[in-house]
Amino acid sequence: MTQKSNTQQKPTNYKLSIQISLSGLSFCILQEETNTIIELKDFKFDKKLNPLEILDFLKQQFGNEQSLNQSFSSVCVIHTNELSTLVSKALFNEDCLADYLKFNAKILKSDFIAYDILSNLDIINVYVPYVNVNNFIYDSFGAFIYKHFSTVLIESILSKEMYGNDSKVYVHVGSNHFEIVVINQGKLILYNTFDYKTKEDFIYYILFTYEQLKLNPETHLLILLGNISKTNELYDIAYKYIRHIDFGSGTDNYRFNEKLSQKHSNFIILNSF
């Protein structure tokens, strides 16, 4: 997690979190005094955009949304992409960031590489942020924090499972990719991300993970997060092969101005404050 700072003074009543991906954008505003989510908006794109188009869309929202044009006590940007990898803290060398990524992600020599230190874990998350978005946010607000979405995902799940006494499989679903987090007795066993095009791709990778970790689809719980519901074909095929399926909750810490139909759909941004 990286923080930039300047001397700009800010009030302490509102916090802003923005989640950026090439497939969509979300922003969430928390009113600290009442612990209330006063605004949560989610935009899905018809096609995958590039980083320049993402920045244009973000600027457009700042022009359209009056709630974004104010000062915040803190601003957090969550970068969602596949350009990340986990590194053991014992093996981590800040001078080798590109080396960690190049084995499982296509990166350019010009890419800026950042890293998050995962709380209470001896793990470093190395990733490529959207630098143009970071620059825009800095110009707009000054000091802010940015992190990779998998950092939020892993830390939030481990926080919820701190006192767990069994193995669980979490799957966070995106529009063309999904992440699997496996925990056992509150400890991280596996994190991985997969691209998928069909529902068969989706269930294949999940069942493969169950098999490799010697988990039983008849007994070990699958918890779904992100862009999935009971009316989704991904849910139907998962339910066909896995006996126990549940949906995770975004968070129980906040009040909401407007009731959410599915808290699990906004799991990342609701756990980013």
C-alpha atoms as a PDB file:
ATOM      1  CA  MET A   1       0.000   0.000   0.000  1.00  0.00           C
ATOM      2  CA  THR A   2       1.479   3.324  -1.069  1.00  0.00           C
ATOM      3  CA  GLN A   3       0.621   6.756   0.285  1.00  0.00           C
ATOM      4  CA  LYS A   4       1.506  10.104  -1.168  1.00  0.00           C
ATOM      5  CA  SER A   5       1.405  13.208   0.976  1.00  0.00           C
ATOM      6  CA  ASN A   6       1.357  16.967   0.730  1.00  0.00           C
ATOM      7  CA  THR A   7       0.421  19.847   2.994  1.00  0.00           C
ATOM      8  CA  GLN A   8      -3.210  20.151   1.896  1.00  0.00           C
ATOM      9  CA  GLN A   9      -5.606  20.208   4.861  1.00  0.00           C
ATOM     10  CA  LYS A  10      -8.792  18.175   4.631  1.00  0.00           C
ATOM     11  CA  PRO A  11     -11.997  17.886   6.662  1.00  0.00           C
ATOM     12  CA  THR A  12     -12.689  14.611   8.406  1.00  0.00           C
ATOM     13  CA  ASN A  13     -16.309  13.891   7.560  1.00  0.00           C
ATOM     14  CA  TYR A  14     -16.220  11.921   4.299  1.00  0.00           C
ATOM     15  CA  LYS A  15     -14.058   9.165   2.813  1.00  0.00           C
ATOM     16  CA  LEU A  16     -13.915   8.265  -0.867  1.00  0.00           C
ATOM     17  CA  SER A  17     -12.998   4.923  -2.414  1.00  0.00           C
ATOM     18  CA  ILE A  18     -12.707   4.370  -6.169  1.00  0.00           C
ATOM     19  CA  GLN A  19     -12.290   0.969  -7.813  1.00  0.00           C
ATOM     20  CA  ILE A  20     -10.819   1.013 -11.325  1.00  0.00           C
ATOM     21  CA  SER A  21     -10.710  -1.762 -13.911  1.00  0.00           C
ATOM     22  CA  LEU A  22     -10.741  -1.969 -17.689  1.00  0.00           C
ATOM     23  CA  SER A  23     -14.227  -3.495 -17.476  1.00  0.00           C
ATOM     24  CA  GLY A  24     -15.842  -1.038 -15.094  1.00  0.00           C
ATOM     25  CA  LEU A  25     -15.591   1.585 -12.391  1.00  0.00           C
ATOM     26  CA  SER A  26     -17.134   2.023  -8.950  1.00  0.00           C
ATOM     27  CA  PHE A  27     -17.017   4.741  -6.344  1.00  0.00           C
ATOM     28  CA  CYS A  28     -18.218   4.780  -2.768  1.00  0.00           C
ATOM     29  CA  ILE A  29     -18.532   7.590  -0.222  1.00  0.00           C
ATOM     30  CA  LEU A  30     -18.550   6.941   3.511  1.00  0.00           C
ATOM     31  CA  GLN A  31     -19.800   9.503   6.024  1.00  0.00           C
ATOM     32  CA  GLU A  32     -17.616   8.883   9.045  1.00  0.00           C
ATOM     33  CA  GLU A  33     -19.708  10.583  11.735  1.00  0.00           C
ATOM     34  CA  THR A  34     -22.713   8.315  11.146  1.00  0.00           C
ATOM     35  CA  ASN A  35     -20.751   5.377   9.672  1.00  0.00           C
ATOM     36  CA  THR A  36     -23.080   5.496   6.676  1.00  0.00           C
ATOM     37  CA  ILE A  37     -22.451   4.675   3.028  1.00  0.00           C
ATOM     38  CA  ILE A  38     -24.152   7.700   1.509  1.00  0.00           C
ATOM     39  CA  GLU A  39     -23.370   6.877  -2.117  1.00  0.00           C
ATOM     40  CA  LEU A  40     -22.326   3.776  -4.040  1.00  0.00           C
ATOM     41  CA  LYS A  41     -22.291   3.728  -7.828  1.00  0.00           C
ATOM     42  CA  ASP A  42     -21.155   0.981 -10.152  1.00  0.00           C
ATOM     43  CA  PHE A  43     -20.529   1.319 -13.900  1.00  0.00           C
ATOM     44  CA  LYS A  44     -20.043  -1.702 -16.183  1.00  0.00           C
ATOM     45  CA  PHE A  45     -18.622  -1.237 -19.680  1.00  0.00           C
ATOM     46  CA  ASP A  46     -19.940  -2.986 -22.792  1.00  0.00           C
ATOM     47  CA  LYS A  47     -16.374  -3.655 -23.895  1.00  0.00           C
ATOM     48  CA  LYS A  48     -12.965  -3.692 -22.280  1.00  0.00           C
ATOM     49  CA  LEU A  49     -11.408  -0.221 -22.361  1.00  0.00           C
ATOM     50  CA  ASN A  50      -7.777   0.810 -22.336  1.00  0.00           C
ATOM     51  CA  PRO A  51      -6.173   2.906 -19.550  1.00  0.00           C
ATOM     52  CA  LEU A  52      -6.571   6.157 -21.516  1.00  0.00           C
ATOM     53  CA  GLU A  53     -10.283   5.502 -22.059  1.00  0.00           C
ATOM     54  CA  ILE A  54     -10.663   4.600 -18.372  1.00  0.00           C
ATOM     55  CA  LEU A  55      -9.182   7.955 -17.381  1.00  0.00           C
ATOM     56  CA  ASP A  56     -11.513   9.796 -19.769  1.00  0.00           C
ATOM     57  CA  PHE A  57     -14.509   8.006 -18.252  1.00  0.00           C
ATOM     58  CA  LEU A  58     -13.322   8.799 -14.728  1.00  0.00           C
ATOM     59  CA  LYS A  59     -12.928  12.480 -15.602  1.00  0.00           C
ATOM     60  CA  GLN A  60     -16.418  12.422 -17.074  1.00  0.00           C
ATOM     61  CA  GLN A  61     -17.826  11.104 -13.801  1.00  0.00           C
ATOM     62  CA  PHE A  62     -16.065  13.833 -11.859  1.00  0.00           C
ATOM     63  CA  GLY A  63     -17.781  16.291 -14.168  1.00  0.00           C
ATOM     64  CA  ASN A  64     -21.199  14.647 -13.759  1.00  0.00           C
ATOM     65  CA  GLU A  65     -21.238  13.637 -10.088  1.00  0.00           C
ATOM     66  CA  GLN A  66     -21.488  16.586  -7.715  1.00  0.00           C
ATOM     67  CA  SER A  67     -20.698  14.349  -4.738  1.00  0.00           C
ATOM     68  CA  LEU A  68     -17.174  13.767  -6.084  1.00  0.00           C
ATOM     69  CA  ASN A  69     -16.393  17.463  -6.185  1.00  0.00           C
ATOM     70  CA  GLN A  70     -15.675  18.006  -2.517  1.00  0.00           C
ATOM     71  CA  SER A  71     -12.821  17.432  -0.091  1.00  0.00           C
ATOM     72  CA  PHE A  72     -12.403  14.074   1.635  1.00  0.00           C
ATOM     73  CA  SER A  73     -10.550  13.061   4.754  1.00  0.00           C
ATOM     74  CA  SER A  74      -9.060  10.178   2.799  1.00  0.00           C
ATOM     75  CA  VAL A  75      -9.144   8.897  -0.761  1.00  0.00           C
ATOM     76  CA  CYS A  76      -8.394   5.307  -1.763  1.00  0.00           C
ATOM     77  CA  VAL A  77      -7.916   4.008  -5.310  1.00  0.00           C
ATOM     78  CA  ILE A  78      -8.214   0.260  -5.905  1.00  0.00           C
ATOM     79  CA  HIS A  79      -6.535  -1.021  -9.059  1.00  0.00           C
ATOM     80  CA  THR A  80      -8.187  -4.090 -10.559  1.00  0.00           C
ATOM     81  CA  ASN A  81      -6.148  -6.015 -13.122  1.00  0.00           C
ATOM     82  CA  GLU A  82      -4.333  -9.302 -13.645  1.00  0.00           C
ATOM     83  CA  LEU A  83      -0.890  -7.678 -13.414  1.00  0.00           C
ATOM     84  CA  SER A  84      -0.023  -8.814  -9.919  1.00  0.00           C
ATOM     85  CA  THR A  85       1.792 -11.561  -8.065  1.00  0.00           C
ATOM     86  CA  LEU A  86       2.328 -12.550  -4.435  1.00  0.00           C
ATOM     87  CA  VAL A  87       5.872 -12.788  -3.113  1.00  0.00           C
ATOM     88  CA  SER A  88       7.057 -14.189   0.201  1.00  0.00           C
ATOM     89  CA  LYS A  89       8.379 -11.419   2.426  1.00  0.00           C
ATOM     90  CA  ALA A  90      11.487 -13.515   3.127  1.00  0.00           C
ATOM     91  CA  LEU A  91      12.332 -13.564  -0.597  1.00  0.00           C
ATOM     92  CA  PHE A  92      11.265 -10.013  -1.416  1.00  0.00           C
ATOM     93  CA  ASN A  93      13.757  -7.541  -2.871  1.00  0.00           C
ATOM     94  CA  GLU A  94      12.477  -4.102  -3.843  1.00  0.00           C
ATOM     95  CA  ASP A  95      15.032  -3.954  -6.661  1.00  0.00           C
ATOM     96  CA  CYS A  96      13.494  -7.008  -8.361  1.00  0.00           C
ATOM     97  CA  LEU A  97       9.867  -5.940  -8.802  1.00  0.00           C
ATOM     98  CA  ALA A  98       9.820  -6.472 -12.573  1.00  0.00           C
ATOM     99  CA  ASP A  99      11.403  -9.910 -12.178  1.00  0.00           C
ATOM    100  CA  TYR A 100       8.562 -11.081  -9.950  1.00  0.00           C
ATOM    101  CA  LEU A 101       5.901  -9.991 -12.439  1.00  0.00           C
ATOM    102  CA  LYS A 102       7.421 -11.037 -15.739  1.00  0.00           C
ATOM    103  CA  PHE A 103       6.920 -14.746 -15.116  1.00  0.00           C
ATOM    104  CA  ASN A 104       3.114 -14.568 -15.025  1.00  0.00           C
ATOM    105  CA  ALA A 105       2.162 -11.186 -16.528  1.00  0.00           C
ATOM    106  CA  LYS A 106       2.960  -9.277 -19.689  1.00  0.00           C
ATOM    107  CA  ILE A 107       4.599  -6.019 -18.647  1.00  0.00           C
ATOM    108  CA  LEU A 108       6.394  -3.238 -20.482  1.00  0.00           C
ATOM    109  CA  LYS A 109       9.751  -1.709 -19.598  1.00  0.00           C
ATOM    110  CA  SER A 110       7.963   1.602 -19.089  1.00  0.00           C
ATOM    111  CA  ASP A 111       5.436   0.190 -16.588  1.00  0.00           C
ATOM    112  CA  PHE A 112       5.568   1.594 -13.078  1.00  0.00           C
ATOM    113  CA  ILE A 113       5.483  -1.236 -10.536  1.00  0.00           C
ATOM    114  CA  ALA A 114       4.197  -0.862  -6.992  1.00  0.00           C
ATOM    115  CA  TYR A 115       3.664  -3.222  -4.072  1.00  0.00           C
ATOM    116  CA  ASP A 116       1.416  -3.667  -1.036  1.00  0.00           C
ATOM    117  CA  ILE A 117       2.445  -5.233   2.251  1.00  0.00           C
ATOM    118  CA  LEU A 118      -0.415  -7.502   3.302  1.00  0.00           C
ATOM    119  CA  SER A 119      -1.465  -6.963   6.904  1.00  0.00           C
ATOM    120  CA  ASN A 120      -0.479  -9.704   9.357  1.00  0.00           C
ATOM    121  CA  LEU A 121       0.990 -11.805   6.543  1.00  0.00           C
ATOM    122  CA  ASP A 122       4.573 -12.355   5.438  1.00  0.00           C
ATOM    123  CA  ILE A 123       3.467 -11.625   1.870  1.00  0.00           C
ATOM    124  CA  ILE A 124       4.090  -8.764  -0.552  1.00  0.00           C
ATOM    125  CA  ASN A 125       1.685  -8.082  -3.425  1.00  0.00           C
ATOM    126  CA  VAL A 126       3.606  -6.749  -6.459  1.00  0.00           C
ATOM    127  CA  TYR A 127       1.497  -5.131  -9.204  1.00  0.00           C
ATOM    128  CA  VAL A 128       1.152  -2.534 -11.947  1.00  0.00           C
ATOM    129  CA  PRO A 129      -1.221   0.339 -11.068  1.00  0.00           C
ATOM    130  CA  TYR A 130      -2.907   2.661 -13.563  1.00  0.00           C
ATOM    131  CA  VAL A 131      -0.445   5.522 -13.224  1.00  0.00           C
ATOM    132  CA  ASN A 132      -2.527   7.982 -15.265  1.00  0.00           C
ATOM    133  CA  VAL A 133      -5.436   7.457 -12.847  1.00  0.00           C
ATOM    134  CA  ASN A 134      -3.140   7.950  -9.852  1.00  0.00           C
ATOM    135  CA  ASN A 135      -1.836  11.199 -11.312  1.00  0.00           C
ATOM    136  CA  PHE A 136      -5.350  12.491 -11.888  1.00  0.00           C
ATOM    137  CA  ILE A 137      -6.434  11.624  -8.341  1.00  0.00           C
ATOM    138  CA  TYR A 138      -3.345  13.288  -6.902  1.00  0.00           C
ATOM    139  CA  ASP A 139      -3.997  16.444  -8.921  1.00  0.00           C
ATOM    140  CA  SER A 140      -7.614  16.416  -7.703  1.00  0.00           C
ATOM    141  CA  PHE A 141      -7.168  15.616  -4.006  1.00  0.00           C
ATOM    142  CA  GLY A 142      -3.522  15.593  -3.029  1.00  0.00           C
ATOM    143  CA  ALA A 143      -2.710  12.859  -0.522  1.00  0.00           C
ATOM    144  CA  PHE A 144      -4.260   9.486  -1.278  1.00  0.00           C
ATOM    145  CA  ILE A 145      -3.737   5.755  -0.872  1.00  0.00           C
ATOM    146  CA  TYR A 146      -3.745   3.149  -3.613  1.00  0.00           C
ATOM    147  CA  LYS A 147      -3.613  -0.615  -3.519  1.00  0.00           C
ATOM    148  CA  HIS A 148      -4.350  -3.668  -5.659  1.00  0.00           C
ATOM    149  CA  PHE A 149      -7.802  -5.170  -5.400  1.00  0.00           C
ATOM    150  CA  SER A 150      -6.395  -8.607  -4.523  1.00  0.00           C
ATOM    151  CA  THR A 151      -4.811  -7.033  -1.439  1.00  0.00           C
ATOM    152  CA  VAL A 152      -8.256  -5.913  -0.261  1.00  0.00           C
ATOM    153  CA  LEU A 153      -9.786  -9.269  -1.189  1.00  0.00           C
ATOM    154  CA  ILE A 154      -7.254 -11.396   0.689  1.00  0.00           C
ATOM    155  CA  GLU A 155      -7.040  -9.154   3.757  1.00  0.00           C
ATOM    156  CA  SER A 156     -10.834  -8.877   4.051  1.00  0.00           C
ATOM    157  CA  ILE A 157     -11.417 -12.619   3.761  1.00  0.00           C
ATOM    158  CA  LEU A 158      -8.711 -13.416   6.304  1.00  0.00           C
ATOM    159  CA  SER A 159     -10.171 -10.850   8.676  1.00  0.00           C
ATOM    160  CA  LYS A 160     -13.587 -12.519   8.426  1.00  0.00           C
ATOM    161  CA  GLU A 161     -12.070 -15.991   8.822  1.00  0.00           C
ATOM    162  CA  MET A 162      -9.673 -15.129  11.635  1.00  0.00           C
ATOM    163  CA  TYR A 163     -11.295 -17.616  14.000  1.00  0.00           C
ATOM    164  CA  GLY A 164     -12.422 -20.140  11.394  1.00  0.00           C
ATOM    165  CA  ASN A 165     -11.889 -23.814  12.155  1.00  0.00           C
ATOM    166  CA  ASP A 166     -12.266 -25.406   8.717  1.00  0.00           C
ATOM    167  CA  SER A 167     -11.398 -24.985   5.032  1.00  0.00           C
ATOM    168  CA  LYS A 168     -13.412 -22.684   2.757  1.00  0.00           C
ATOM    169  CA  VAL A 169     -13.145 -21.678  -0.874  1.00  0.00           C
ATOM    170  CA  TYR A 170     -13.921 -18.075  -1.823  1.00  0.00           C
ATOM    171  CA  VAL A 171     -14.494 -17.133  -5.466  1.00  0.00           C
ATOM    172  CA  HIS A 172     -14.696 -13.482  -6.516  1.00  0.00           C
ATOM    173  CA  VAL A 173     -16.299 -13.189  -9.971  1.00  0.00           C
ATOM    174  CA  GLY A 174     -15.477 -10.492 -12.525  1.00  0.00           C
ATOM    175  CA  SER A 175     -16.813 -10.053 -16.054  1.00  0.00           C
ATOM    176  CA  ASN A 176     -14.074 -12.138 -17.693  1.00  0.00           C
ATOM    177  CA  HIS A 177     -11.915 -13.355 -14.824  1.00  0.00           C
ATOM    178  CA  PHE A 178     -12.313 -14.635 -11.288  1.00  0.00           C
ATOM    179  CA  GLU A 179     -10.140 -15.061  -8.216  1.00  0.00           C
ATOM    180  CA  ILE A 180      -9.971 -18.013  -5.863  1.00  0.00           C
ATOM    181  CA  VAL A 181      -8.938 -17.637  -2.237  1.00  0.00           C
ATOM    182  CA  VAL A 182      -8.694 -20.786  -0.134  1.00  0.00           C
ATOM    183  CA  ILE A 183      -8.347 -20.549   3.617  1.00  0.00           C
ATOM    184  CA  ASN A 184      -7.925 -23.185   6.299  1.00  0.00           C
ATOM    185  CA  GLN A 185      -8.399 -22.383   9.984  1.00  0.00           C
ATOM    186  CA  GLY A 186      -7.959 -18.684   9.305  1.00  0.00           C
ATOM    187  CA  LYS A 187      -4.778 -19.097   7.245  1.00  0.00           C
ATOM    188  CA  LEU A 188      -4.248 -18.403   3.555  1.00  0.00           C
ATOM    189  CA  ILE A 189      -3.670 -21.620   1.597  1.00  0.00           C
ATOM    190  CA  LEU A 190      -4.013 -20.408  -1.997  1.00  0.00           C
ATOM    191  CA  TYR A 191      -4.699 -17.340  -4.090  1.00  0.00           C
ATOM    192  CA  ASN A 192      -5.017 -17.517  -7.862  1.00  0.00           C
ATOM    193  CA  THR A 193      -6.762 -15.723 -10.714  1.00  0.00           C
ATOM    194  CA  PHE A 194      -8.236 -17.254 -13.879  1.00  0.00           C
ATOM    195  CA  ASP A 195      -9.635 -15.930 -17.130  1.00  0.00           C
ATOM    196  CA  TYR A 196     -12.850 -17.553 -18.335  1.00  0.00           C
ATOM    197  CA  LYS A 197     -15.082 -17.328 -21.397  1.00  0.00           C
ATOM    198  CA  THR A 198     -17.698 -19.959 -20.647  1.00  0.00           C
ATOM    199  CA  LYS A 199     -19.430 -21.418 -17.617  1.00  0.00           C
ATOM    200  CA  GLU A 200     -17.509 -24.641 -18.311  1.00  0.00           C
ATOM    201  CA  ASP A 201     -14.220 -22.760 -17.935  1.00  0.00           C
ATOM    202  CA  PHE A 202     -15.500 -21.353 -14.660  1.00  0.00           C
ATOM    203  CA  ILE A 203     -16.410 -24.644 -13.013  1.00  0.00           C
ATOM    204  CA  TYR A 204     -13.355 -26.458 -14.421  1.00  0.00           C
ATOM    205  CA  TYR A 205     -10.908 -24.176 -12.604  1.00  0.00           C
ATOM    206  CA  ILE A 206     -12.898 -24.334  -9.381  1.00  0.00           C
ATOM    207  CA  LEU A 207     -13.130 -28.127  -9.386  1.00  0.00           C
ATOM    208  CA  PHE A 208      -9.454 -28.356 -10.359  1.00  0.00           C
ATOM    209  CA  THR A 209      -8.600 -26.266  -7.292  1.00  0.00           C
ATOM    210  CA  TYR A 210     -10.738 -28.521  -5.086  1.00  0.00           C
ATOM    211  CA  GLU A 211      -8.971 -31.575  -6.495  1.00  0.00           C
ATOM    212  CA  GLN A 212      -5.438 -30.203  -6.155  1.00  0.00           C
ATOM    213  CA  LEU A 213      -5.990 -29.177  -2.532  1.00  0.00           C
ATOM    214  CA  LYS A 214      -7.832 -32.426  -1.732  1.00  0.00           C
ATOM    215  CA  LEU A 215     -11.016 -30.587  -0.844  1.00  0.00           C
ATOM    216  CA  ASN A 216     -14.370 -32.342  -1.090  1.00  0.00           C
ATOM    217  CA  PRO A 217     -17.098 -30.646  -3.204  1.00  0.00           C
ATOM    218  CA  GLU A 218     -19.628 -32.522  -1.077  1.00  0.00           C
ATOM    219  CA  THR A 219     -18.499 -30.992   2.205  1.00  0.00           C
ATOM    220  CA  HIS A 220     -16.294 -27.911   1.738  1.00  0.00           C
ATOM    221  CA  LEU A 221     -18.175 -24.641   1.412  1.00  0.00           C
ATOM    222  CA  LEU A 222     -17.901 -22.438  -1.688  1.00  0.00           C
ATOM    223  CA  ILE A 223     -18.528 -18.740  -0.971  1.00  0.00           C
ATOM    224  CA  LEU A 224     -19.300 -16.488  -3.946  1.00  0.00           C
ATOM    225  CA  LEU A 225     -18.477 -12.790  -4.222  1.00  0.00           C
ATOM    226  CA  GLY A 226     -18.592 -10.196  -6.971  1.00  0.00           C
ATOM    227  CA  ASN A 227     -20.572 -10.242 -10.204  1.00  0.00           C
ATOM    228  CA  ILE A 228     -22.758 -13.315  -9.650  1.00  0.00           C
ATOM    229  CA  SER A 229     -26.281 -14.089  -8.448  1.00  0.00           C
ATOM    230  CA  LYS A 230     -28.649 -17.061  -8.172  1.00  0.00           C
ATOM    231  CA  THR A 231     -30.034 -16.262 -11.626  1.00  0.00           C
ATOM    232  CA  ASN A 232     -26.567 -16.441 -13.206  1.00  0.00           C
ATOM    233  CA  GLU A 233     -25.468 -19.446 -15.295  1.00  0.00           C
ATOM    234  CA  LEU A 234     -22.193 -19.516 -13.358  1.00  0.00           C
ATOM    235  CA  TYR A 235     -24.149 -20.109 -10.164  1.00  0.00           C
ATOM    236  CA  ASP A 236     -26.225 -22.829 -11.829  1.00  0.00           C
ATOM    237  CA  ILE A 237     -23.220 -24.843 -12.946  1.00  0.00           C
ATOM    238  CA  ALA A 238     -21.413 -24.372  -9.622  1.00  0.00           C
ATOM    239  CA  TYR A 239     -24.499 -25.598  -7.753  1.00  0.00           C
ATOM    240  CA  LYS A 240     -24.593 -28.646 -10.014  1.00  0.00           C
ATOM    241  CA  TYR A 241     -21.186 -29.840  -8.836  1.00  0.00           C
ATOM    242  CA  ILE A 242     -20.723 -28.351  -5.357  1.00  0.00           C
ATOM    243  CA  ARG A 243     -23.172 -29.183  -2.612  1.00  0.00           C
ATOM    244  CA  HIS A 244     -22.729 -26.234  -0.238  1.00  0.00           C
ATOM    245  CA  ILE A 245     -22.709 -22.732  -1.774  1.00  0.00           C
ATOM    246  CA  ASP A 246     -23.243 -19.400  -0.069  1.00  0.00           C
ATOM    247  CA  PHE A 247     -22.872 -15.715  -0.904  1.00  0.00           C
ATOM    248  CA  GLY A 248     -20.465 -13.597   1.124  1.00  0.00           C
ATOM    249  CA  SER A 249     -21.518 -10.331   2.698  1.00  0.00           C
ATOM    250  CA  GLY A 250     -19.944  -7.007   1.770  1.00  0.00           C
ATOM    251  CA  THR A 251     -19.629  -5.818   5.341  1.00  0.00           C
ATOM    252  CA  ASP A 252     -21.830  -5.456   8.401  1.00  0.00           C
ATOM    253  CA  ASN A 253     -19.940  -2.406   9.658  1.00  0.00           C
ATOM    254  CA  TYR A 254     -21.905   0.312   7.854  1.00  0.00           C
ATOM    255  CA  ARG A 255     -25.360   1.727   7.478  1.00  0.00           C
ATOM    256  CA  PHE A 256     -26.633   2.413   3.970  1.00  0.00           C
ATOM    257  CA  ASN A 257     -28.637   5.318   2.617  1.00  0.00           C
ATOM    258  CA  GLU A 258     -30.017   2.979  -0.015  1.00  0.00           C
ATOM    259  CA  LYS A 259     -30.484  -0.736   0.606  1.00  0.00           C
ATOM    260  CA  LEU A 260     -28.204  -2.908  -1.497  1.00  0.00           C
ATOM    261  CA  SER A 261     -29.738  -5.850  -3.323  1.00  0.00           C
ATOM    262  CA  GLN A 262     -26.471  -7.812  -3.145  1.00  0.00           C
ATOM    263  CA  LYS A 263     -23.737  -6.745  -0.739  1.00  0.00           C
ATOM    264  CA  HIS A 264     -21.439  -9.463  -2.053  1.00  0.00           C
ATOM    265  CA  SER A 265     -21.351  -7.706  -5.448  1.00  0.00           C
ATOM    266  CA  ASN A 266     -19.527  -4.725  -3.919  1.00  0.00           C
ATOM    267  CA  PHE A 267     -17.314  -6.727  -1.558  1.00  0.00           C
ATOM    268  CA  ILE A 268     -14.028  -5.092  -2.549  1.00  0.00           C
ATOM    269  CA  ILE A 269     -14.998  -1.427  -2.385  1.00  0.00           C
ATOM    270  CA  LEU A 270     -17.031  -1.846   0.819  1.00  0.00           C
ATOM    271  CA  ASN A 271     -14.005  -3.381   2.524  1.00  0.00           C
ATOM    272  CA  SER A 272     -11.544  -0.758   1.305  1.00  0.00           C
ATOM    273  CA  PHE A 273     -12.110   1.897   3.988  1.00  0.00           C
END
